[in-house]
């Protein structure tokens, strides 16, 4: 099944995904889940992890293209194997270009040519290959495995937050969902931003309160339960583009307002730009999955209250002007259909866009 065909299946809506999770404790075929942890620990099936590792659980069953298929957690990105330090390089967010995952793994390790996007917890840190530049908590780094250099991998500056207004402690990145140009052109061709997002679109959340330019001479202000959409015209050390708000957490009454962490945008629908252009808010529909950093509450679709807990999988949905939450669909610390992770899940990403031959 090709990448774009699989991803388009998700556009039938989150309802089917939710139904499958609730009814059968699994995602559709050729899907899996990536997570990273905010603690050091061991899963109930014996996988050790640090805060710069990424774990994977294959949910495709007998249809799995994964080498050495297992229903247990495996480590697919071990930070120490790729030059990261367990004391200086804790991950705060990750995303990846799923179209680079032809064969996801060779054994339990990443195969060649995979692209990951990483942010780090530290206020500033040094990353191999990006010397002498500091990498700040508001930045995103691109990791490429199989690079044509001595190490066989490389890191490079992907998104310089300070170039586009992210500078304060509360504006550190804690959730990213990167849609490179090939995603955007195929999956969201009808999402007609008023600007050409030729370098792709980056959805992100911040640790807390933020203030960025709203493209109209004013500012777009919000908190850590919002989802921002950055329409990128250039990336790297000279990051440039335009900010929009794709989801307003206050409209869903998320409390505390910085509860959201981890982010995977799985669907975007476009209705137009709001008449209040100064708000920088897109009149869009969006569905994203997230894990909270702490217990929280928020509105459900029918006007009730969702009581969420840390390390649970939840969804944020905007349908027109209606913002609401759904879930929880999975508690990663319950040793049920899948092994418990025995720790705090900081970030999550579905493998919902595989490109298997």
C-alpha atoms as a PDB file:
ATOM      1  CA  UNK A   1       0.000   0.000   0.000  1.00  0.00           C
ATOM      2  CA  UNK A   2       1.394   3.376  -0.919  1.00  0.00           C
ATOM      3  CA  UNK A   3       1.935   6.192   1.531  1.00  0.00           C
ATOM      4  CA  UNK A   4      -0.558   8.668   0.195  1.00  0.00           C
ATOM      5  CA  UNK A   5      -3.284   6.055  -0.178  1.00  0.00           C
ATOM      6  CA  UNK A   6      -2.892   4.911   3.404  1.00  0.00           C
ATOM      7  CA  UNK A   7      -2.892   8.409   4.832  1.00  0.00           C
ATOM      8  CA  UNK A   8      -5.985   9.336   2.855  1.00  0.00           C
ATOM      9  CA  UNK A   9      -7.847   6.546   4.607  1.00  0.00           C
ATOM     10  CA  UNK A  10      -7.523   8.603   7.765  1.00  0.00           C
ATOM     11  CA  UNK A  11      -9.508  11.365   6.114  1.00  0.00           C
ATOM     12  CA  UNK A  12     -12.625   9.264   6.617  1.00  0.00           C
ATOM     13  CA  UNK A  13     -12.228  10.644  10.115  1.00  0.00           C
ATOM     14  CA  UNK A  14     -10.902   9.844  13.527  1.00  0.00           C
ATOM     15  CA  UNK A  15     -14.123   8.040  14.383  1.00  0.00           C
ATOM     16  CA  UNK A  16     -13.040   4.851  12.611  1.00  0.00           C
ATOM     17  CA  UNK A  17      -9.629   4.959  14.284  1.00  0.00           C
ATOM     18  CA  UNK A  18     -11.258   5.486  17.663  1.00  0.00           C
ATOM     19  CA  UNK A  19     -13.684   2.623  17.026  1.00  0.00           C
ATOM     20  CA  UNK A  20     -10.854   0.275  16.148  1.00  0.00           C
ATOM     21  CA  UNK A  21      -8.865   1.231  19.217  1.00  0.00           C
ATOM     22  CA  UNK A  22     -11.817   0.876  21.547  1.00  0.00           C
ATOM     23  CA  UNK A  23     -13.196  -2.312  20.039  1.00  0.00           C
ATOM     24  CA  UNK A  24     -10.084  -4.268  19.163  1.00  0.00           C
ATOM     25  CA  UNK A  25      -7.224  -2.421  20.899  1.00  0.00           C
ATOM     26  CA  UNK A  26      -5.414  -1.994  17.600  1.00  0.00           C
ATOM     27  CA  UNK A  27      -5.041   0.433  14.734  1.00  0.00           C
ATOM     28  CA  UNK A  28      -5.730  -0.422  11.086  1.00  0.00           C
ATOM     29  CA  UNK A  29      -3.259  -2.614   9.203  1.00  0.00           C
ATOM     30  CA  UNK A  30       0.245  -1.231   8.610  1.00  0.00           C
ATOM     31  CA  UNK A  31      -0.024   1.078  11.559  1.00  0.00           C
ATOM     32  CA  UNK A  32       2.051   1.327  14.677  1.00  0.00           C
ATOM     33  CA  UNK A  33       2.898   3.818  17.374  1.00  0.00           C
ATOM     34  CA  UNK A  34       6.139   5.599  18.243  1.00  0.00           C
ATOM     35  CA  UNK A  35       6.688   7.118  21.690  1.00  0.00           C
ATOM     36  CA  UNK A  36       9.433   8.679  23.729  1.00  0.00           C
ATOM     37  CA  UNK A  37       9.562   8.898  27.477  1.00  0.00           C
ATOM     38  CA  UNK A  38      10.160  11.634  30.035  1.00  0.00           C
ATOM     39  CA  UNK A  39      11.584   9.122  32.472  1.00  0.00           C
ATOM     40  CA  UNK A  40      14.271   6.456  32.500  1.00  0.00           C
ATOM     41  CA  UNK A  41      12.785   3.012  32.885  1.00  0.00           C
ATOM     42  CA  UNK A  42      11.891  -0.407  31.553  1.00  0.00           C
ATOM     43  CA  UNK A  43       8.723  -1.575  29.825  1.00  0.00           C
ATOM     44  CA  UNK A  44       6.869  -4.569  31.212  1.00  0.00           C
ATOM     45  CA  UNK A  45       8.295  -6.655  28.355  1.00  0.00           C
ATOM     46  CA  UNK A  46      11.872  -5.756  29.312  1.00  0.00           C
ATOM     47  CA  UNK A  47      12.872  -2.876  27.010  1.00  0.00           C
ATOM     48  CA  UNK A  48      15.117  -0.320  28.716  1.00  0.00           C
ATOM     49  CA  UNK A  49      14.760   3.299  27.654  1.00  0.00           C
ATOM     50  CA  UNK A  50      16.256   6.714  28.284  1.00  0.00           C
ATOM     51  CA  UNK A  51      14.829  10.153  27.618  1.00  0.00           C
ATOM     52  CA  UNK A  52      16.506  10.431  24.204  1.00  0.00           C
ATOM     53  CA  UNK A  53      15.214   7.104  22.882  1.00  0.00           C
ATOM     54  CA  UNK A  54      12.214   6.420  20.644  1.00  0.00           C
ATOM     55  CA  UNK A  55      10.272   3.180  21.070  1.00  0.00           C
ATOM     56  CA  UNK A  56       7.992   1.505  18.542  1.00  0.00           C
ATOM     57  CA  UNK A  57       5.097  -0.930  18.858  1.00  0.00           C
ATOM     58  CA  UNK A  58       3.919  -2.556  15.637  1.00  0.00           C
ATOM     59  CA  UNK A  59       0.143  -2.897  15.440  1.00  0.00           C
ATOM     60  CA  UNK A  60      -0.136  -4.480  12.005  1.00  0.00           C
ATOM     61  CA  UNK A  61      -0.236  -8.068  13.205  1.00  0.00           C
ATOM     62  CA  UNK A  62       0.304 -10.699  10.555  1.00  0.00           C
ATOM     63  CA  UNK A  63       0.367  -8.043   7.834  1.00  0.00           C
ATOM     64  CA  UNK A  64       3.417  -6.399   9.345  1.00  0.00           C
ATOM     65  CA  UNK A  65       6.249  -5.520   6.941  1.00  0.00           C
ATOM     66  CA  UNK A  66       8.543  -5.016   9.924  1.00  0.00           C
ATOM     67  CA  UNK A  67      11.554  -7.311   9.998  1.00  0.00           C
ATOM     68  CA  UNK A  68      11.491  -9.642  13.002  1.00  0.00           C
ATOM     69  CA  UNK A  69       7.889  -8.761  13.758  1.00  0.00           C
ATOM     70  CA  UNK A  70       7.058  -8.641  17.437  1.00  0.00           C
ATOM     71  CA  UNK A  71       4.072  -7.448  19.408  1.00  0.00           C
ATOM     72  CA  UNK A  72       6.446  -6.023  22.004  1.00  0.00           C
ATOM     73  CA  UNK A  73       8.104  -2.634  22.287  1.00  0.00           C
ATOM     74  CA  UNK A  74      11.413  -2.208  20.476  1.00  0.00           C
ATOM     75  CA  UNK A  75      13.925   0.643  20.488  1.00  0.00           C
ATOM     76  CA  UNK A  76      14.173   2.185  17.030  1.00  0.00           C
ATOM     77  CA  UNK A  77      16.138   5.320  17.909  1.00  0.00           C
ATOM     78  CA  UNK A  78      18.751   5.012  20.642  1.00  0.00           C
ATOM     79  CA  UNK A  79      20.132   8.490  21.196  1.00  0.00           C
ATOM     80  CA  UNK A  80      23.490   7.237  22.448  1.00  0.00           C
ATOM     81  CA  UNK A  81      23.998   5.266  19.227  1.00  0.00           C
ATOM     82  CA  UNK A  82      23.619   8.515  17.291  1.00  0.00           C
ATOM     83  CA  UNK A  83      25.886  10.787  19.306  1.00  0.00           C
ATOM     84  CA  UNK A  84      23.430  12.060  21.916  1.00  0.00           C
ATOM     85  CA  UNK A  85      24.179  12.241  25.623  1.00  0.00           C
ATOM     86  CA  UNK A  86      21.768  10.880  28.211  1.00  0.00           C
ATOM     87  CA  UNK A  87      22.294  13.905  30.465  1.00  0.00           C
ATOM     88  CA  UNK A  88      22.195  16.719  27.887  1.00  0.00           C
ATOM     89  CA  UNK A  89      19.935  15.589  25.058  1.00  0.00           C
ATOM     90  CA  UNK A  90      16.551  14.672  26.503  1.00  0.00           C
ATOM     91  CA  UNK A  91      13.940  14.872  23.752  1.00  0.00           C
ATOM     92  CA  UNK A  92      11.012  17.242  24.161  1.00  0.00           C
ATOM     93  CA  UNK A  93       9.320  16.436  20.831  1.00  0.00           C
ATOM     94  CA  UNK A  94       9.748  14.361  17.697  1.00  0.00           C
ATOM     95  CA  UNK A  95       8.155  13.808  14.314  1.00  0.00           C
ATOM     96  CA  UNK A  96       9.337  12.052  11.174  1.00  0.00           C
ATOM     97  CA  UNK A  97       8.977  11.969   7.418  1.00  0.00           C
ATOM     98  CA  UNK A  98       7.002   8.778   6.964  1.00  0.00           C
ATOM     99  CA  UNK A  99       7.596   8.672   3.231  1.00  0.00           C
ATOM    100  CA  UNK A 100      11.242   7.831   3.950  1.00  0.00           C
ATOM    101  CA  UNK A 101      10.294   4.610   5.742  1.00  0.00           C
ATOM    102  CA  UNK A 102      10.374   2.113   2.861  1.00  0.00           C
ATOM    103  CA  UNK A 103      11.319  -0.774   5.107  1.00  0.00           C
ATOM    104  CA  UNK A 104      10.871   0.596   8.556  1.00  0.00           C
ATOM    105  CA  UNK A 105      13.598  -1.344  10.309  1.00  0.00           C
ATOM    106  CA  UNK A 106      16.556  -3.571   9.722  1.00  0.00           C
ATOM    107  CA  UNK A 107      16.258  -5.768  12.775  1.00  0.00           C
ATOM    108  CA  UNK A 108      15.406  -3.361  15.561  1.00  0.00           C
ATOM    109  CA  UNK A 109      17.348  -0.391  14.194  1.00  0.00           C
ATOM    110  CA  UNK A 110      16.406   2.322  11.761  1.00  0.00           C
ATOM    111  CA  UNK A 111      17.214   1.433   8.172  1.00  0.00           C
ATOM    112  CA  UNK A 112      18.961   3.975   5.934  1.00  0.00           C
ATOM    113  CA  UNK A 113      17.565   7.303   4.744  1.00  0.00           C
ATOM    114  CA  UNK A 114      15.035   7.842   7.524  1.00  0.00           C
ATOM    115  CA  UNK A 115      14.370  11.455   8.484  1.00  0.00           C
ATOM    116  CA  UNK A 116      13.445  12.413  12.046  1.00  0.00           C
ATOM    117  CA  UNK A 117      12.682  15.868  13.415  1.00  0.00           C
ATOM    118  CA  UNK A 118      13.739  16.427  17.025  1.00  0.00           C
ATOM    119  CA  UNK A 119      13.444  19.110  19.698  1.00  0.00           C
ATOM    120  CA  UNK A 120      15.315  19.032  22.994  1.00  0.00           C
ATOM    121  CA  UNK A 121      14.380  19.766  26.619  1.00  0.00           C
ATOM    122  CA  UNK A 122      17.526  21.748  27.424  1.00  0.00           C
ATOM    123  CA  UNK A 123      17.363  25.527  27.277  1.00  0.00           C
ATOM    124  CA  UNK A 124      20.342  25.221  24.954  1.00  0.00           C
ATOM    125  CA  UNK A 125      22.626  22.357  24.000  1.00  0.00           C
ATOM    126  CA  UNK A 126      25.254  21.298  21.480  1.00  0.00           C
ATOM    127  CA  UNK A 127      24.258  18.700  18.886  1.00  0.00           C
ATOM    128  CA  UNK A 128      26.833  16.691  16.882  1.00  0.00           C
ATOM    129  CA  UNK A 129      27.492  18.286  13.512  1.00  0.00           C
ATOM    130  CA  UNK A 130      25.789  21.588  14.380  1.00  0.00           C
ATOM    131  CA  UNK A 131      28.829  23.066  16.146  1.00  0.00           C
ATOM    132  CA  UNK A 132      29.488  25.816  17.050  1.00  0.00           C
ATOM    133  CA  UNK A 133      25.834  26.837  16.962  1.00  0.00           C
ATOM    134  CA  UNK A 134      23.747  26.271  20.068  1.00  0.00           C
ATOM    135  CA  UNK A 135      20.466  24.434  19.622  1.00  0.00           C
ATOM    136  CA  UNK A 136      17.764  25.994  21.789  1.00  0.00           C
ATOM    137  CA  UNK A 137      14.557  24.582  23.206  1.00  0.00           C
ATOM    138  CA  UNK A 138      12.592  26.573  20.629  1.00  0.00           C
ATOM    139  CA  UNK A 139      14.394  24.909  17.690  1.00  0.00           C
ATOM    140  CA  UNK A 140      13.831  21.746  15.654  1.00  0.00           C
ATOM    141  CA  UNK A 141      16.728  19.624  14.381  1.00  0.00           C
ATOM    142  CA  UNK A 142      16.558  17.259  11.412  1.00  0.00           C
ATOM    143  CA  UNK A 143      18.232  13.858  11.795  1.00  0.00           C
ATOM    144  CA  UNK A 144      19.045  11.825   8.676  1.00  0.00           C
ATOM    145  CA  UNK A 145      20.176   8.238   8.964  1.00  0.00           C
ATOM    146  CA  UNK A 146      22.358   6.907   6.155  1.00  0.00           C
ATOM    147  CA  UNK A 147      24.056  10.233   5.470  1.00  0.00           C
ATOM    148  CA  UNK A 148      27.130  10.118   3.231  1.00  0.00           C
ATOM    149  CA  UNK A 149      29.639  10.971   5.938  1.00  0.00           C
ATOM    150  CA  UNK A 150      31.951   9.154   8.332  1.00  0.00           C
ATOM    151  CA  UNK A 151      29.293   8.625  10.996  1.00  0.00           C
ATOM    152  CA  UNK A 152      26.590   7.484   8.592  1.00  0.00           C
ATOM    153  CA  UNK A 153      24.106   9.959  10.066  1.00  0.00           C
ATOM    154  CA  UNK A 154      23.839  13.711  10.459  1.00  0.00           C
ATOM    155  CA  UNK A 155      22.005  16.418  12.337  1.00  0.00           C
ATOM    156  CA  UNK A 156      21.196  19.796  10.833  1.00  0.00           C
ATOM    157  CA  UNK A 157      19.269  22.860  11.896  1.00  0.00           C
ATOM    158  CA  UNK A 158      15.740  22.531  10.534  1.00  0.00           C
ATOM    159  CA  UNK A 159      13.682  25.216  12.299  1.00  0.00           C
ATOM    160  CA  UNK A 160      15.265  28.168  14.101  1.00  0.00           C
ATOM    161  CA  UNK A 161      12.546  29.346  16.461  1.00  0.00           C
ATOM    162  CA  UNK A 162      14.252  32.637  17.280  1.00  0.00           C
ATOM    163  CA  UNK A 163      13.978  33.678  13.623  1.00  0.00           C
ATOM    164  CA  UNK A 164      10.187  33.621  13.866  1.00  0.00           C
ATOM    165  CA  UNK A 165       9.535  34.895  17.377  1.00  0.00           C
ATOM    166  CA  UNK A 166       9.954  31.894  19.699  1.00  0.00           C
ATOM    167  CA  UNK A 167      12.458  33.066  22.311  1.00  0.00           C
ATOM    168  CA  UNK A 168      11.068  32.741  25.855  1.00  0.00           C
ATOM    169  CA  UNK A 169      11.139  29.760  28.213  1.00  0.00           C
ATOM    170  CA  UNK A 170       7.396  29.226  27.855  1.00  0.00           C
ATOM    171  CA  UNK A 171       7.820  29.208  24.058  1.00  0.00           C
ATOM    172  CA  UNK A 172      10.002  26.099  24.090  1.00  0.00           C
ATOM    173  CA  UNK A 173       8.633  23.457  21.733  1.00  0.00           C
ATOM    174  CA  UNK A 174       6.977  20.428  23.346  1.00  0.00           C
ATOM    175  CA  UNK A 175       5.061  18.913  20.437  1.00  0.00           C
ATOM    176  CA  UNK A 176       5.674  18.839  16.671  1.00  0.00           C
ATOM    177  CA  UNK A 177       4.021  17.309  13.634  1.00  0.00           C
ATOM    178  CA  UNK A 178       6.045  18.100  10.526  1.00  0.00           C
ATOM    179  CA  UNK A 179       4.353  17.965   7.120  1.00  0.00           C
ATOM    180  CA  UNK A 180       7.116  18.365   4.526  1.00  0.00           C
ATOM    181  CA  UNK A 181       6.172  19.653   1.056  1.00  0.00           C
ATOM    182  CA  UNK A 182       5.371  16.183  -0.282  1.00  0.00           C
ATOM    183  CA  UNK A 183       2.804  15.726   2.532  1.00  0.00           C
ATOM    184  CA  UNK A 184       1.283  19.144   2.123  1.00  0.00           C
ATOM    185  CA  UNK A 185       0.895  18.930  -1.639  1.00  0.00           C
ATOM    186  CA  UNK A 186      -0.813  15.528  -1.499  1.00  0.00           C
ATOM    187  CA  UNK A 187      -2.719  15.506   1.776  1.00  0.00           C
ATOM    188  CA  UNK A 188      -3.783  19.108   2.194  1.00  0.00           C
ATOM    189  CA  UNK A 189      -3.905  20.521  -1.308  1.00  0.00           C
ATOM    190  CA  UNK A 190      -7.265  22.091  -0.441  1.00  0.00           C
ATOM    191  CA  UNK A 191      -5.796  23.873   2.590  1.00  0.00           C
ATOM    192  CA  UNK A 192      -5.166  27.100   0.760  1.00  0.00           C
ATOM    193  CA  UNK A 193      -3.138  29.295   3.072  1.00  0.00           C
ATOM    194  CA  UNK A 194      -2.892  32.889   1.838  1.00  0.00           C
ATOM    195  CA  UNK A 195       0.834  32.248   1.420  1.00  0.00           C
ATOM    196  CA  UNK A 196       2.851  29.635  -0.446  1.00  0.00           C
ATOM    197  CA  UNK A 197       4.075  27.119   2.138  1.00  0.00           C
ATOM    198  CA  UNK A 198       6.723  25.881  -0.279  1.00  0.00           C
ATOM    199  CA  UNK A 199       8.925  24.483   2.518  1.00  0.00           C
ATOM    200  CA  UNK A 200       6.046  22.633   4.189  1.00  0.00           C
ATOM    201  CA  UNK A 201       3.881  23.132   7.250  1.00  0.00           C
ATOM    202  CA  UNK A 202       4.972  22.584  10.857  1.00  0.00           C
ATOM    203  CA  UNK A 203       2.285  22.057  13.473  1.00  0.00           C
ATOM    204  CA  UNK A 204       3.606  22.636  16.979  1.00  0.00           C
ATOM    205  CA  UNK A 205       2.684  23.287  20.569  1.00  0.00           C
ATOM    206  CA  UNK A 206       4.646  25.290  23.111  1.00  0.00           C
ATOM    207  CA  UNK A 207       5.360  24.641  26.764  1.00  0.00           C
ATOM    208  CA  UNK A 208       3.265  27.598  27.835  1.00  0.00           C
ATOM    209  CA  UNK A 209       2.335  31.146  26.882  1.00  0.00           C
ATOM    210  CA  UNK A 210       3.484  32.312  23.428  1.00  0.00           C
ATOM    211  CA  UNK A 211       3.410  35.481  21.335  1.00  0.00           C
ATOM    212  CA  UNK A 212       4.280  35.408  17.630  1.00  0.00           C
ATOM    213  CA  UNK A 213       3.615  37.720  14.702  1.00  0.00           C
ATOM    214  CA  UNK A 214       0.133  37.310  13.270  1.00  0.00           C
ATOM    215  CA  UNK A 215       1.134  38.326   9.716  1.00  0.00           C
ATOM    216  CA  UNK A 216      -0.907  41.544   9.951  1.00  0.00           C
ATOM    217  CA  UNK A 217       1.398  43.739  12.028  1.00  0.00           C
ATOM    218  CA  UNK A 218       0.085  42.469  15.352  1.00  0.00           C
ATOM    219  CA  UNK A 219       0.585  39.422  17.522  1.00  0.00           C
ATOM    220  CA  UNK A 220      -0.947  35.994  17.875  1.00  0.00           C
ATOM    221  CA  UNK A 221      -1.098  35.159  21.588  1.00  0.00           C
ATOM    222  CA  UNK A 222      -2.073  31.906  23.259  1.00  0.00           C
ATOM    223  CA  UNK A 223      -1.020  29.149  25.621  1.00  0.00           C
ATOM    224  CA  UNK A 224       0.436  25.670  25.671  1.00  0.00           C
ATOM    225  CA  UNK A 225      -2.763  23.844  24.736  1.00  0.00           C
ATOM    226  CA  UNK A 226      -3.027  25.557  21.356  1.00  0.00           C
ATOM    227  CA  UNK A 227      -1.798  24.028  18.119  1.00  0.00           C
ATOM    228  CA  UNK A 228       0.073  26.475  15.893  1.00  0.00           C
ATOM    229  CA  UNK A 229       0.541  25.979  12.160  1.00  0.00           C
ATOM    230  CA  UNK A 230       3.726  27.464  10.731  1.00  0.00           C
ATOM    231  CA  UNK A 231       3.554  27.965   6.966  1.00  0.00           C
ATOM    232  CA  UNK A 232       7.246  27.672   6.070  1.00  0.00           C
ATOM    233  CA  UNK A 233       8.755  29.553   3.143  1.00  0.00           C
ATOM    234  CA  UNK A 234      12.325  28.790   4.211  1.00  0.00           C
ATOM    235  CA  UNK A 235      13.862  26.466   6.791  1.00  0.00           C
ATOM    236  CA  UNK A 236      17.258  26.094   8.407  1.00  0.00           C
ATOM    237  CA  UNK A 237      19.313  28.929   9.869  1.00  0.00           C
ATOM    238  CA  UNK A 238      17.188  31.509   8.070  1.00  0.00           C
ATOM    239  CA  UNK A 239      13.761  30.185   8.999  1.00  0.00           C
ATOM    240  CA  UNK A 240      10.935  32.262   7.551  1.00  0.00           C
ATOM    241  CA  UNK A 241       7.204  31.875   7.164  1.00  0.00           C
ATOM    242  CA  UNK A 242       3.812  32.761   8.603  1.00  0.00           C
ATOM    243  CA  UNK A 243       2.015  31.783  11.799  1.00  0.00           C
ATOM    244  CA  UNK A 244      -1.579  30.638  12.171  1.00  0.00           C
ATOM    245  CA  UNK A 245      -3.512  29.090  15.028  1.00  0.00           C
ATOM    246  CA  UNK A 246      -5.061  25.771  14.002  1.00  0.00           C
ATOM    247  CA  UNK A 247      -6.584  24.809  17.375  1.00  0.00           C
ATOM    248  CA  UNK A 248      -7.457  27.036  20.341  1.00  0.00           C
ATOM    249  CA  UNK A 249      -7.215  25.081  23.572  1.00  0.00           C
ATOM    250  CA  UNK A 250      -9.131  27.740  25.502  1.00  0.00           C
ATOM    251  CA  UNK A 251     -12.168  27.115  23.283  1.00  0.00           C
ATOM    252  CA  UNK A 252     -12.128  23.504  24.518  1.00  0.00           C
ATOM    253  CA  UNK A 253     -11.647  24.736  28.116  1.00  0.00           C
ATOM    254  CA  UNK A 254      -8.473  22.692  28.566  1.00  0.00           C
ATOM    255  CA  UNK A 255      -7.312  23.043  32.168  1.00  0.00           C
ATOM    256  CA  UNK A 256      -4.512  23.481  33.059  1.00  0.00           C
ATOM    257  CA  UNK A 257      -3.852  25.463  29.886  1.00  0.00           C
ATOM    258  CA  UNK A 258      -0.421  23.924  29.283  1.00  0.00           C
ATOM    259  CA  UNK A 259      -1.505  20.292  29.647  1.00  0.00           C
ATOM    260  CA  UNK A 260      -0.898  19.316  26.034  1.00  0.00           C
ATOM    261  CA  UNK A 261       2.403  17.725  25.076  1.00  0.00           C
ATOM    262  CA  UNK A 262       3.251  15.449  22.207  1.00  0.00           C
ATOM    263  CA  UNK A 263       1.427  16.017  18.938  1.00  0.00           C
ATOM    264  CA  UNK A 264       0.531  14.140  15.778  1.00  0.00           C
ATOM    265  CA  UNK A 265      -1.769  15.896  13.313  1.00  0.00           C
ATOM    266  CA  UNK A 266      -3.587  13.216  11.331  1.00  0.00           C
ATOM    267  CA  UNK A 267      -6.187  15.245   9.445  1.00  0.00           C
ATOM    268  CA  UNK A 268      -6.693  18.812   8.242  1.00  0.00           C
ATOM    269  CA  UNK A 269      -9.742  20.153   6.428  1.00  0.00           C
ATOM    270  CA  UNK A 270      -9.955  23.675   5.082  1.00  0.00           C
ATOM    271  CA  UNK A 271     -12.927  26.009   5.066  1.00  0.00           C
ATOM    272  CA  UNK A 272     -11.259  29.367   4.495  1.00  0.00           C
ATOM    273  CA  UNK A 273      -9.522  32.155   6.393  1.00  0.00           C
ATOM    274  CA  UNK A 274     -11.532  33.818   9.138  1.00  0.00           C
ATOM    275  CA  UNK A 275     -12.835  37.307   8.522  1.00  0.00           C
ATOM    276  CA  UNK A 276     -10.792  38.482  11.492  1.00  0.00           C
ATOM    277  CA  UNK A 277      -7.469  38.179   9.682  1.00  0.00           C
ATOM    278  CA  UNK A 278      -5.657  39.926  12.518  1.00  0.00           C
ATOM    279  CA  UNK A 279      -6.266  36.864  14.660  1.00  0.00           C
ATOM    280  CA  UNK A 280      -4.102  34.744  12.406  1.00  0.00           C
ATOM    281  CA  UNK A 281      -6.582  31.932  12.966  1.00  0.00           C
ATOM    282  CA  UNK A 282      -7.403  29.524  10.160  1.00  0.00           C
ATOM    283  CA  UNK A 283     -11.030  28.546   9.620  1.00  0.00           C
ATOM    284  CA  UNK A 284     -10.125  24.900   9.423  1.00  0.00           C
ATOM    285  CA  UNK A 285     -10.931  21.466  10.693  1.00  0.00           C
ATOM    286  CA  UNK A 286      -8.133  19.586  12.399  1.00  0.00           C
ATOM    287  CA  UNK A 287      -7.750  16.264  14.194  1.00  0.00           C
ATOM    288  CA  UNK A 288      -4.647  15.547  16.220  1.00  0.00           C
ATOM    289  CA  UNK A 289      -3.549  13.015  18.809  1.00  0.00           C
ATOM    290  CA  UNK A 290      -1.686  14.014  21.950  1.00  0.00           C
ATOM    291  CA  UNK A 291      -0.503  12.821  25.332  1.00  0.00           C
ATOM    292  CA  UNK A 292      -0.915  15.209  28.294  1.00  0.00           C
ATOM    293  CA  UNK A 293       1.936  16.108  30.622  1.00  0.00           C
ATOM    294  CA  UNK A 294      -0.395  15.972  33.636  1.00  0.00           C
ATOM    295  CA  UNK A 295      -3.980  15.238  34.581  1.00  0.00           C
ATOM    296  CA  UNK A 296      -6.376  17.654  32.896  1.00  0.00           C
ATOM    297  CA  UNK A 297      -9.979  18.372  31.971  1.00  0.00           C
ATOM    298  CA  UNK A 298     -11.579  19.640  28.776  1.00  0.00           C
ATOM    299  CA  UNK A 299     -14.834  19.777  26.850  1.00  0.00           C
ATOM    300  CA  UNK A 300     -16.173  16.819  24.894  1.00  0.00           C
ATOM    301  CA  UNK A 301     -18.205  17.051  21.694  1.00  0.00           C
ATOM    302  CA  UNK A 302     -21.553  16.802  23.457  1.00  0.00           C
ATOM    303  CA  UNK A 303     -20.768  19.381  26.127  1.00  0.00           C
ATOM    304  CA  UNK A 304     -19.530  17.001  28.787  1.00  0.00           C
ATOM    305  CA  UNK A 305     -16.154  16.960  30.497  1.00  0.00           C
ATOM    306  CA  UNK A 306     -13.204  14.744  29.645  1.00  0.00           C
ATOM    307  CA  UNK A 307     -11.039  13.826  32.639  1.00  0.00           C
ATOM    308  CA  UNK A 308      -7.640  12.899  31.223  1.00  0.00           C
ATOM    309  CA  UNK A 309      -4.503  11.538  32.825  1.00  0.00           C
ATOM    310  CA  UNK A 310      -0.828  11.668  31.970  1.00  0.00           C
ATOM    311  CA  UNK A 311       0.391   8.953  29.561  1.00  0.00           C
ATOM    312  CA  UNK A 312      -3.040   8.487  27.984  1.00  0.00           C
ATOM    313  CA  UNK A 313      -3.738   8.880  24.271  1.00  0.00           C
ATOM    314  CA  UNK A 314      -6.308  11.588  23.546  1.00  0.00           C
ATOM    315  CA  UNK A 315      -7.562  13.549  20.551  1.00  0.00           C
ATOM    316  CA  UNK A 316      -8.150  17.235  19.948  1.00  0.00           C
ATOM    317  CA  UNK A 317     -10.678  18.090  17.256  1.00  0.00           C
ATOM    318  CA  UNK A 318     -11.757  21.345  15.660  1.00  0.00           C
ATOM    319  CA  UNK A 319     -14.821  21.180  13.434  1.00  0.00           C
ATOM    320  CA  UNK A 320     -15.653  24.636  12.152  1.00  0.00           C
ATOM    321  CA  UNK A 321     -15.802  26.789  15.289  1.00  0.00           C
ATOM    322  CA  UNK A 322     -16.320  23.819  17.603  1.00  0.00           C
ATOM    323  CA  UNK A 323     -13.226  22.832  19.592  1.00  0.00           C
ATOM    324  CA  UNK A 324     -13.421  19.678  21.692  1.00  0.00           C
ATOM    325  CA  UNK A 325     -11.552  16.641  23.006  1.00  0.00           C
ATOM    326  CA  UNK A 326     -12.125  12.915  22.754  1.00  0.00           C
ATOM    327  CA  UNK A 327     -10.656   9.935  24.551  1.00  0.00           C
ATOM    328  CA  UNK A 328      -8.851   8.550  26.333  1.00  0.00           C
ATOM    329  CA  UNK A 329      -8.212   5.685  23.946  1.00  0.00           C
ATOM    330  CA  UNK A 330      -5.142   4.079  25.476  1.00  0.00           C
ATOM    331  CA  UNK A 331      -3.368   4.195  28.807  1.00  0.00           C
ATOM    332  CA  UNK A 332       0.249   3.307  28.081  1.00  0.00           C
ATOM    333  CA  UNK A 333       0.840   2.271  31.681  1.00  0.00           C
ATOM    334  CA  UNK A 334      -1.831  -0.420  31.712  1.00  0.00           C
ATOM    335  CA  UNK A 335      -0.461  -3.870  30.966  1.00  0.00           C
ATOM    336  CA  UNK A 336      -3.386  -5.073  28.870  1.00  0.00           C
ATOM    337  CA  UNK A 337      -3.448  -5.850  25.161  1.00  0.00           C
ATOM    338  CA  UNK A 338       0.070  -4.421  24.835  1.00  0.00           C
ATOM    339  CA  UNK A 339       2.951  -4.232  27.317  1.00  0.00           C
ATOM    340  CA  UNK A 340       2.888  -1.292  29.727  1.00  0.00           C
ATOM    341  CA  UNK A 341       5.670   1.267  29.379  1.00  0.00           C
ATOM    342  CA  UNK A 342       5.948   1.903  33.135  1.00  0.00           C
ATOM    343  CA  UNK A 343       6.713   5.604  32.839  1.00  0.00           C
ATOM    344  CA  UNK A 344       5.590   8.995  31.616  1.00  0.00           C
ATOM    345  CA  UNK A 345       4.981   9.197  27.857  1.00  0.00           C
ATOM    346  CA  UNK A 346       6.183  12.571  26.599  1.00  0.00           C
ATOM    347  CA  UNK A 347       5.491  12.267  22.874  1.00  0.00           C
ATOM    348  CA  UNK A 348       3.596  10.060  20.476  1.00  0.00           C
ATOM    349  CA  UNK A 349       3.404   9.612  16.723  1.00  0.00           C
ATOM    350  CA  UNK A 350       1.363   7.139  14.721  1.00  0.00           C
ATOM    351  CA  UNK A 351       2.863   5.244  11.821  1.00  0.00           C
ATOM    352  CA  UNK A 352      -0.130   5.999   9.611  1.00  0.00           C
ATOM    353  CA  UNK A 353       1.606   6.813   6.357  1.00  0.00           C
ATOM    354  CA  UNK A 354       3.869   3.860   5.460  1.00  0.00           C
ATOM    355  CA  UNK A 355       5.395   3.556   1.998  1.00  0.00           C
ATOM    356  CA  UNK A 356       6.030  -0.147   1.741  1.00  0.00           C
ATOM    357  CA  UNK A 357       6.851  -1.493  -1.740  1.00  0.00           C
END
